[in-house]
Amino acid sequence: MAGRMRVYVGGLPDDADKRELEAEFSKFGRLQDVWVARKPPGFAFIEFENDMDARDAVRELDGRELCGNRVRVEIARGGRRGGGGGGAP
C-alpha cells in the first residue's frame, strides 16, 4: 500500500501563494497538507496522500515555473511531520 510523502519546493518568491501551489500540485493527486515558509520565505512543503502522486509531481514540476519563479521540486528529506515514519534519519 502506498503511503504519504512530502515534496520540497524551493526557489519560490517571497510572496508565494498557498492557493496557487495547491491548485498546481493537486493536479497530481490528493494533498494532505501545503505549508509555505514565511520566515525565511522562498520554500514550501507539499504532502501527498500517495507517494506515487508525489513522485509524479516531482518528475513533472522540477525546473518549471511556479508563482513566477523557476523552482526546484524534490522528495523531502527526513521524517514526516507528525511522526509515524520509520527508517534511519
N, C-alpha and C. Protein backbone atom coordinates (compact mmCIF):
# COMPACT_ATOMS: atom_id res chain seq x y z
N MET A 1 0.84 -1.19 0.00
CA MET A 1 0.00 0.00 0.00
C MET A 1 0.87 1.24 0.00
N ALA A 2 0.54 2.22 -0.80
CA ALA A 2 1.31 3.46 -0.88
C ALA A 2 1.02 4.32 0.34
N GLY A 3 2.03 5.08 0.75
CA GLY A 3 1.87 5.95 1.91
C GLY A 3 2.06 7.40 1.54
N ARG A 4 1.91 8.24 2.53
CA ARG A 4 2.10 9.68 2.34
C ARG A 4 3.55 10.00 2.04
N MET A 5 3.74 11.10 1.33
CA MET A 5 5.10 11.55 1.02
C MET A 5 5.09 13.06 0.88
N ARG A 6 6.14 13.69 1.43
CA ARG A 6 6.29 15.14 1.33
C ARG A 6 7.24 15.51 0.20
N VAL A 7 6.93 16.63 -0.43
CA VAL A 7 7.72 17.17 -1.52
C VAL A 7 8.21 18.55 -1.10
N TYR A 8 9.49 18.81 -1.33
CA TYR A 8 10.09 20.12 -1.07
C TYR A 8 10.01 20.95 -2.35
N VAL A 9 9.62 22.21 -2.22
CA VAL A 9 9.57 23.14 -3.35
C VAL A 9 10.45 24.33 -2.98
N GLY A 10 11.55 24.53 -3.69
CA GLY A 10 12.47 25.62 -3.40
C GLY A 10 12.53 26.62 -4.54
N GLY A 11 12.98 27.82 -4.21
CA GLY A 11 13.11 28.87 -5.22
C GLY A 11 11.85 29.68 -5.43
N LEU A 12 10.92 29.59 -4.49
CA LEU A 12 9.68 30.34 -4.60
C LEU A 12 9.91 31.82 -4.29
N PRO A 13 9.08 32.70 -4.84
CA PRO A 13 9.19 34.11 -4.48
C PRO A 13 8.72 34.32 -3.04
N ASP A 14 9.12 35.45 -2.45
CA ASP A 14 8.76 35.74 -1.06
C ASP A 14 7.25 35.75 -0.84
N ASP A 15 6.49 36.11 -1.86
CA ASP A 15 5.04 36.21 -1.72
C ASP A 15 4.31 35.02 -2.35
N ALA A 16 4.94 33.86 -2.35
CA ALA A 16 4.32 32.67 -2.95
C ALA A 16 2.93 32.43 -2.35
N ASP A 17 2.00 32.08 -3.21
CA ASP A 17 0.60 31.92 -2.81
C ASP A 17 0.26 30.45 -2.57
N LYS A 18 -0.20 30.14 -1.36
CA LYS A 18 -0.55 28.77 -1.00
C LYS A 18 -1.61 28.20 -1.94
N ARG A 19 -2.60 29.01 -2.29
CA ARG A 19 -3.68 28.52 -3.16
C ARG A 19 -3.17 28.15 -4.55
N GLU A 20 -2.21 28.93 -5.05
CA GLU A 20 -1.64 28.62 -6.36
C GLU A 20 -0.88 27.30 -6.31
N LEU A 21 -0.13 27.08 -5.22
CA LEU A 21 0.58 25.81 -5.07
C LEU A 21 -0.40 24.65 -4.95
N GLU A 22 -1.44 24.82 -4.14
CA GLU A 22 -2.46 23.77 -4.01
C GLU A 22 -3.07 23.42 -5.36
N ALA A 23 -3.39 24.44 -6.14
CA ALA A 23 -4.01 24.20 -7.45
C ALA A 23 -3.07 23.44 -8.37
N GLU A 24 -1.80 23.80 -8.38
CA GLU A 24 -0.84 23.15 -9.28
C GLU A 24 -0.54 21.72 -8.85
N PHE A 25 -0.28 21.51 -7.55
CA PHE A 25 0.12 20.18 -7.09
C PHE A 25 -1.05 19.22 -6.98
N SER A 26 -2.26 19.72 -6.76
CA SER A 26 -3.42 18.82 -6.66
C SER A 26 -3.76 18.16 -7.99
N LYS A 27 -3.19 18.65 -9.09
CA LYS A 27 -3.38 18.01 -10.39
C LYS A 27 -2.80 16.60 -10.40
N PHE A 28 -1.88 16.33 -9.47
CA PHE A 28 -1.19 15.04 -9.45
C PHE A 28 -1.80 14.06 -8.46
N GLY A 29 -2.67 14.53 -7.58
CA GLY A 29 -3.28 13.65 -6.60
C GLY A 29 -3.76 14.42 -5.38
N ARG A 30 -4.33 13.69 -4.43
CA ARG A 30 -4.88 14.31 -3.23
C ARG A 30 -3.77 14.79 -2.31
N LEU A 31 -3.94 16.01 -1.81
CA LEU A 31 -2.96 16.61 -0.91
C LEU A 31 -3.43 16.48 0.53
N GLN A 32 -2.49 16.20 1.41
CA GLN A 32 -2.76 16.15 2.84
C GLN A 32 -2.51 17.52 3.48
N ASP A 33 -1.45 18.21 3.00
CA ASP A 33 -1.07 19.49 3.61
C ASP A 33 -0.22 20.30 2.63
N VAL A 34 -0.34 21.62 2.73
CA VAL A 34 0.53 22.55 2.00
C VAL A 34 1.02 23.57 3.01
N TRP A 35 2.33 23.66 3.19
CA TRP A 35 2.93 24.60 4.14
C TRP A 35 3.92 25.48 3.39
N VAL A 36 3.69 26.79 3.44
CA VAL A 36 4.55 27.76 2.77
C VAL A 36 5.33 28.53 3.82
N ALA A 37 6.66 28.51 3.72
CA ALA A 37 7.52 29.21 4.67
C ALA A 37 7.38 30.72 4.50
N ARG A 38 7.42 31.42 5.60
CA ARG A 38 7.36 32.88 5.58
C ARG A 38 8.60 33.52 6.20
N LYS A 39 9.21 32.89 7.18
CA LYS A 39 10.41 33.44 7.84
C LYS A 39 11.41 32.32 8.02
N PRO A 40 12.35 32.11 7.14
CA PRO A 40 12.56 32.84 5.90
C PRO A 40 11.63 32.32 4.80
N PRO A 41 11.29 33.17 3.86
CA PRO A 41 10.43 32.75 2.75
C PRO A 41 11.23 32.04 1.66
N GLY A 42 10.51 31.55 0.65
CA GLY A 42 11.19 31.00 -0.52
C GLY A 42 11.06 29.51 -0.72
N PHE A 43 10.36 28.82 0.19
CA PHE A 43 10.19 27.38 0.00
C PHE A 43 8.86 26.93 0.59
N ALA A 44 8.49 25.69 0.26
CA ALA A 44 7.24 25.12 0.76
C ALA A 44 7.39 23.61 0.83
N PHE A 45 6.51 22.99 1.60
CA PHE A 45 6.40 21.54 1.64
C PHE A 45 4.97 21.18 1.27
N ILE A 46 4.85 20.22 0.37
CA ILE A 46 3.55 19.72 -0.08
C ILE A 46 3.49 18.26 0.34
N GLU A 47 2.46 17.88 1.10
CA GLU A 47 2.33 16.48 1.50
C GLU A 47 1.21 15.82 0.71
N PHE A 48 1.57 14.77 -0.01
CA PHE A 48 0.62 13.99 -0.80
C PHE A 48 0.14 12.79 0.01
N GLU A 49 -1.09 12.38 -0.22
CA GLU A 49 -1.63 11.19 0.42
C GLU A 49 -0.99 9.92 -0.16
N ASN A 50 -0.50 10.01 -1.39
CA ASN A 50 0.04 8.83 -2.08
C ASN A 50 1.44 9.13 -2.59
N ASP A 51 2.40 8.27 -2.27
CA ASP A 51 3.79 8.53 -2.66
C ASP A 51 3.99 8.53 -4.18
N MET A 52 3.21 7.76 -4.92
CA MET A 52 3.35 7.76 -6.38
C MET A 52 2.94 9.11 -6.97
N ASP A 53 1.91 9.72 -6.40
CA ASP A 53 1.49 11.05 -6.86
C ASP A 53 2.59 12.07 -6.59
N ALA A 54 3.24 11.96 -5.44
CA ALA A 54 4.35 12.87 -5.11
C ALA A 54 5.48 12.71 -6.12
N ARG A 55 5.82 11.49 -6.45
CA ARG A 55 6.90 11.25 -7.42
C ARG A 55 6.54 11.79 -8.81
N ASP A 56 5.28 11.65 -9.19
CA ASP A 56 4.83 12.21 -10.47
C ASP A 56 4.97 13.73 -10.49
N ALA A 57 4.60 14.37 -9.38
CA ALA A 57 4.71 15.83 -9.30
C ALA A 57 6.16 16.28 -9.41
N VAL A 58 7.07 15.58 -8.74
CA VAL A 58 8.49 15.91 -8.81
C VAL A 58 8.98 15.80 -10.25
N ARG A 59 8.64 14.70 -10.89
CA ARG A 59 9.08 14.46 -12.26
C ARG A 59 8.58 15.55 -13.22
N GLU A 60 7.34 15.98 -13.04
CA GLU A 60 6.74 16.94 -13.96
C GLU A 60 7.06 18.40 -13.64
N LEU A 61 7.24 18.74 -12.37
CA LEU A 61 7.35 20.15 -12.00
C LEU A 61 8.75 20.64 -11.69
N ASP A 62 9.70 19.74 -11.47
CA ASP A 62 11.06 20.20 -11.16
C ASP A 62 11.62 21.00 -12.34
N GLY A 63 12.08 22.21 -12.05
CA GLY A 63 12.64 23.08 -13.08
C GLY A 63 11.62 23.92 -13.82
N ARG A 64 10.35 23.74 -13.51
CA ARG A 64 9.29 24.52 -14.16
C ARG A 64 9.06 25.84 -13.43
N GLU A 65 8.27 26.70 -14.05
CA GLU A 65 7.93 27.98 -13.42
C GLU A 65 6.64 27.85 -12.62
N LEU A 66 6.73 28.23 -11.34
CA LEU A 66 5.56 28.28 -10.46
C LEU A 66 5.60 29.59 -9.70
N CYS A 67 4.48 30.22 -9.53
CA CYS A 67 4.39 31.50 -8.80
C CYS A 67 5.37 32.52 -9.36
N GLY A 68 5.66 32.43 -10.65
CA GLY A 68 6.53 33.39 -11.31
C GLY A 68 8.02 33.11 -11.24
N ASN A 69 8.43 32.02 -10.59
CA ASN A 69 9.85 31.66 -10.48
C ASN A 69 10.08 30.24 -10.97
N ARG A 70 11.28 30.00 -11.46
CA ARG A 70 11.68 28.63 -11.79
C ARG A 70 12.02 27.94 -10.46
N VAL A 71 11.41 26.81 -10.19
CA VAL A 71 11.53 26.17 -8.88
C VAL A 71 12.22 24.81 -8.94
N ARG A 72 12.73 24.42 -7.80
CA ARG A 72 13.29 23.09 -7.61
C ARG A 72 12.26 22.28 -6.83
N VAL A 73 11.90 21.12 -7.33
CA VAL A 73 10.91 20.26 -6.69
C VAL A 73 11.55 18.89 -6.50
N GLU A 74 11.59 18.43 -5.25
CA GLU A 74 12.21 17.13 -4.96
C GLU A 74 11.54 16.48 -3.76
N ILE A 75 11.73 15.17 -3.64
CA ILE A 75 11.21 14.46 -2.48
C ILE A 75 11.90 15.02 -1.24
N ALA A 76 11.10 15.36 -0.22
CA ALA A 76 11.65 15.95 1.01
C ALA A 76 12.51 14.93 1.74
N ARG A 77 13.62 15.41 2.29
CA ARG A 77 14.49 14.56 3.09
C ARG A 77 13.99 14.55 4.52
N GLY A 78 14.36 13.51 5.28
CA GLY A 78 13.99 13.46 6.69
C GLY A 78 12.63 12.83 6.89
N GLY A 79 12.21 12.81 8.14
CA GLY A 79 10.95 12.18 8.50
C GLY A 79 9.76 13.03 8.15
N ARG A 80 8.62 12.43 8.31
CA ARG A 80 7.37 13.14 8.05
C ARG A 80 6.99 13.93 9.29
N ARG A 81 6.41 15.11 9.07
CA ARG A 81 5.91 15.87 10.22
C ARG A 81 4.79 15.08 10.86
N GLY A 82 4.71 15.15 12.18
CA GLY A 82 3.63 14.47 12.86
C GLY A 82 3.94 13.03 13.21
N GLY A 83 5.17 12.59 12.95
CA GLY A 83 5.58 11.24 13.34
C GLY A 83 5.03 10.17 12.43
N GLY A 84 5.18 8.94 12.88
CA GLY A 84 4.66 7.82 12.13
C GLY A 84 5.61 7.29 11.08
N GLY A 85 6.78 7.91 10.96
CA GLY A 85 7.75 7.47 9.97
C GLY A 85 8.51 6.25 10.45
N GLY A 86 9.52 5.89 9.74
CA GLY A 86 10.36 4.78 10.12
C GLY A 86 11.66 4.88 9.38
N GLY A 87 12.56 4.00 9.67
CA GLY A 87 13.84 4.03 8.98
C GLY A 87 14.83 4.97 9.61
N ALA A 88 16.03 4.97 9.09
CA ALA A 88 17.11 5.79 9.63
C ALA A 88 16.93 7.24 9.22
N PRO A 89 17.37 8.18 10.08
CA PRO A 89 17.27 9.60 9.73
C PRO A 89 18.21 9.98 8.61
